[in-house]
Amino acid sequence: MAVGQSAAFVQDASIAHEDLGGGIRRKILGYGPDLMIVKVWFEQGAVGEVHAHRHSQSSYVESGKFEVYIDGEKQILEAGDCFYIAPHLDHGAVCIEPGVLIDTFSPTREDFLGEEG
């Protein structure tokens, strides 16, 4: 199934949060077939379980503090820091202080849109 795209201009107030449970919420912002940006809120102690996917991912720590795990390595990252995850690498995060991650994916995460991929 081909991935569509978001509107050219995306206003935060027009998008509802998606509650993922476990103290994690997200908003899917701009996307097209090859790129997606997602804003993810974490409560203290929330866990982004270790997983892997075929997409490249780069994430910016907008606020808070996170212990980030990528391919057997862990680091503590805070506001202003960034991390990159190559396709198919195991990764996850634990929120140490409440915060927000800005995740970018290439190609778009079809599963976030309810499409196969």
Protein backbone atom coordinates (compact mmCIF):
# COMPACT_ATOMS: atom_id res chain seq x y z
CA MET A 1 0.00 0.00 0.00
CA ALA A 2 1.40 3.40 -0.94
CA VAL A 3 1.88 5.91 1.86
CA GLY A 4 0.10 9.22 1.45
CA GLN A 5 1.29 12.47 2.89
CA SER A 6 0.33 15.02 5.47
CA ALA A 7 -0.84 18.50 4.66
CA ALA A 8 1.91 20.94 3.64
CA PHE A 9 1.36 22.88 6.88
CA VAL A 10 0.71 21.02 10.11
CA GLN A 11 -0.53 22.90 13.16
CA ASP A 12 0.11 21.19 16.47
CA ALA A 13 -3.25 22.26 17.93
CA SER A 14 -5.12 20.48 15.13
CA ILE A 15 -3.69 17.03 15.96
CA ALA A 16 -4.93 14.91 18.85
CA HIS A 17 -2.50 13.02 21.06
CA GLU A 18 -2.46 9.25 20.64
CA ASP A 19 -2.15 7.59 24.06
CA LEU A 20 0.18 4.61 23.70
CA GLY A 21 -0.18 3.61 27.36
CA GLY A 22 2.53 3.30 29.97
CA GLY A 23 2.99 7.07 30.22
CA ILE A 24 3.72 7.63 26.53
CA ARG A 25 1.74 9.81 24.07
CA ARG A 26 2.53 10.85 20.50
CA LYS A 27 1.47 13.06 17.62
CA ILE A 28 2.29 12.22 14.04
CA LEU A 29 3.30 15.47 12.39
CA GLY A 30 4.49 15.95 8.79
CA TYR A 31 5.08 12.91 6.61
CA GLY A 32 5.32 11.64 3.05
CA PRO A 33 6.45 8.30 1.65
CA ASP A 34 10.11 8.81 2.53
CA LEU A 35 10.09 10.82 5.76
CA MET A 36 8.05 11.16 8.96
CA ILE A 37 8.35 13.32 12.07
CA VAL A 38 6.68 12.33 15.33
CA LYS A 39 6.52 14.14 18.68
CA VAL A 40 6.52 11.77 21.67
CA TRP A 41 5.84 12.72 25.32
CA PHE A 42 7.17 10.51 28.14
CA GLU A 43 6.24 10.58 31.80
CA GLN A 44 8.99 9.81 34.31
CA GLY A 45 9.64 6.07 34.37
CA ALA A 46 7.95 5.42 31.02
CA VAL A 47 9.71 2.77 28.95
CA GLY A 48 10.06 2.63 25.20
CA GLU A 49 10.52 -1.13 25.01
CA VAL A 50 13.51 -2.54 23.11
CA HIS A 51 12.53 -3.18 19.50
CA ALA A 52 13.89 -2.96 15.95
CA HIS A 53 12.46 -1.89 12.60
CA ARG A 54 13.55 -1.45 9.00
CA HIS A 55 13.50 2.34 9.20
CA SER A 56 16.39 4.72 9.86
CA GLN A 57 15.59 6.85 12.89
CA SER A 58 17.10 10.04 14.24
CA SER A 59 15.70 11.50 17.46
CA TYR A 60 16.17 14.88 19.13
CA VAL A 61 15.72 15.25 22.89
CA GLU A 62 13.54 18.35 23.13
CA SER A 63 13.23 18.14 26.92
CA GLY A 64 13.73 15.76 29.83
CA LYS A 65 16.35 13.09 30.42
CA PHE A 66 16.46 9.59 28.91
CA GLU A 67 18.58 6.47 29.19
CA VAL A 68 18.81 5.40 25.56
CA TYR A 69 19.82 1.88 24.50
CA ILE A 70 21.11 1.23 20.97
CA ASP A 71 22.64 -2.06 19.85
CA GLY A 72 24.10 -3.05 23.23
CA GLU A 73 25.17 0.46 24.32
CA LYS A 74 23.46 2.80 26.81
CA GLN A 75 23.86 6.55 27.29
CA ILE A 76 22.07 9.21 29.31
CA LEU A 77 20.82 11.99 27.02
CA GLU A 78 19.21 15.33 27.90
CA ALA A 79 17.63 18.31 26.17
CA GLY A 80 19.58 19.27 23.06
CA ASP A 81 21.12 15.81 22.56
CA CYS A 82 20.36 13.53 19.62
CA PHE A 83 20.70 9.89 18.66
CA TYR A 84 20.67 7.92 15.40
CA ILE A 85 19.49 4.35 14.92
CA ALA A 86 20.42 2.45 11.77
CA PRO A 87 17.81 0.05 10.34
CA HIS A 88 17.29 -3.26 12.16
CA LEU A 89 19.23 -2.34 15.33
CA ASP A 90 17.68 -3.10 18.72
CA HIS A 91 16.89 0.10 20.61
CA GLY A 92 14.76 1.47 23.43
CA ALA A 93 14.62 4.21 26.07
CA VAL A 94 13.71 4.79 29.70
CA CYS A 95 12.52 8.24 30.74
CA ILE A 96 14.49 9.49 33.76
CA GLU A 97 12.93 12.97 33.84
CA PRO A 98 9.64 13.76 32.02
CA GLY A 99 10.32 14.90 28.50
CA VAL A 100 9.72 14.96 24.78
CA LEU A 101 11.50 13.25 21.90
CA ILE A 102 11.18 14.43 18.31
CA ASP A 103 11.55 11.27 16.21
CA THR A 104 12.21 11.24 12.48
CA PHE A 105 11.92 8.11 10.37
CA SER A 106 12.91 7.20 6.83
CA PRO A 107 10.93 5.82 5.16
CA THR A 108 7.64 6.70 6.86
CA ARG A 109 6.43 4.32 9.59
CA GLU A 110 3.40 2.87 7.79
CA ASP A 111 2.46 1.01 10.96
CA PHE A 112 1.94 4.36 12.73
CA LEU A 113 -0.58 5.27 10.03
CA GLY A 114 -2.40 1.94 10.28
CA GLU A 115 -0.89 0.77 6.97
CA GLU A 116 1.18 -2.33 6.39
CA GLY A 117 4.93 -2.07 6.05
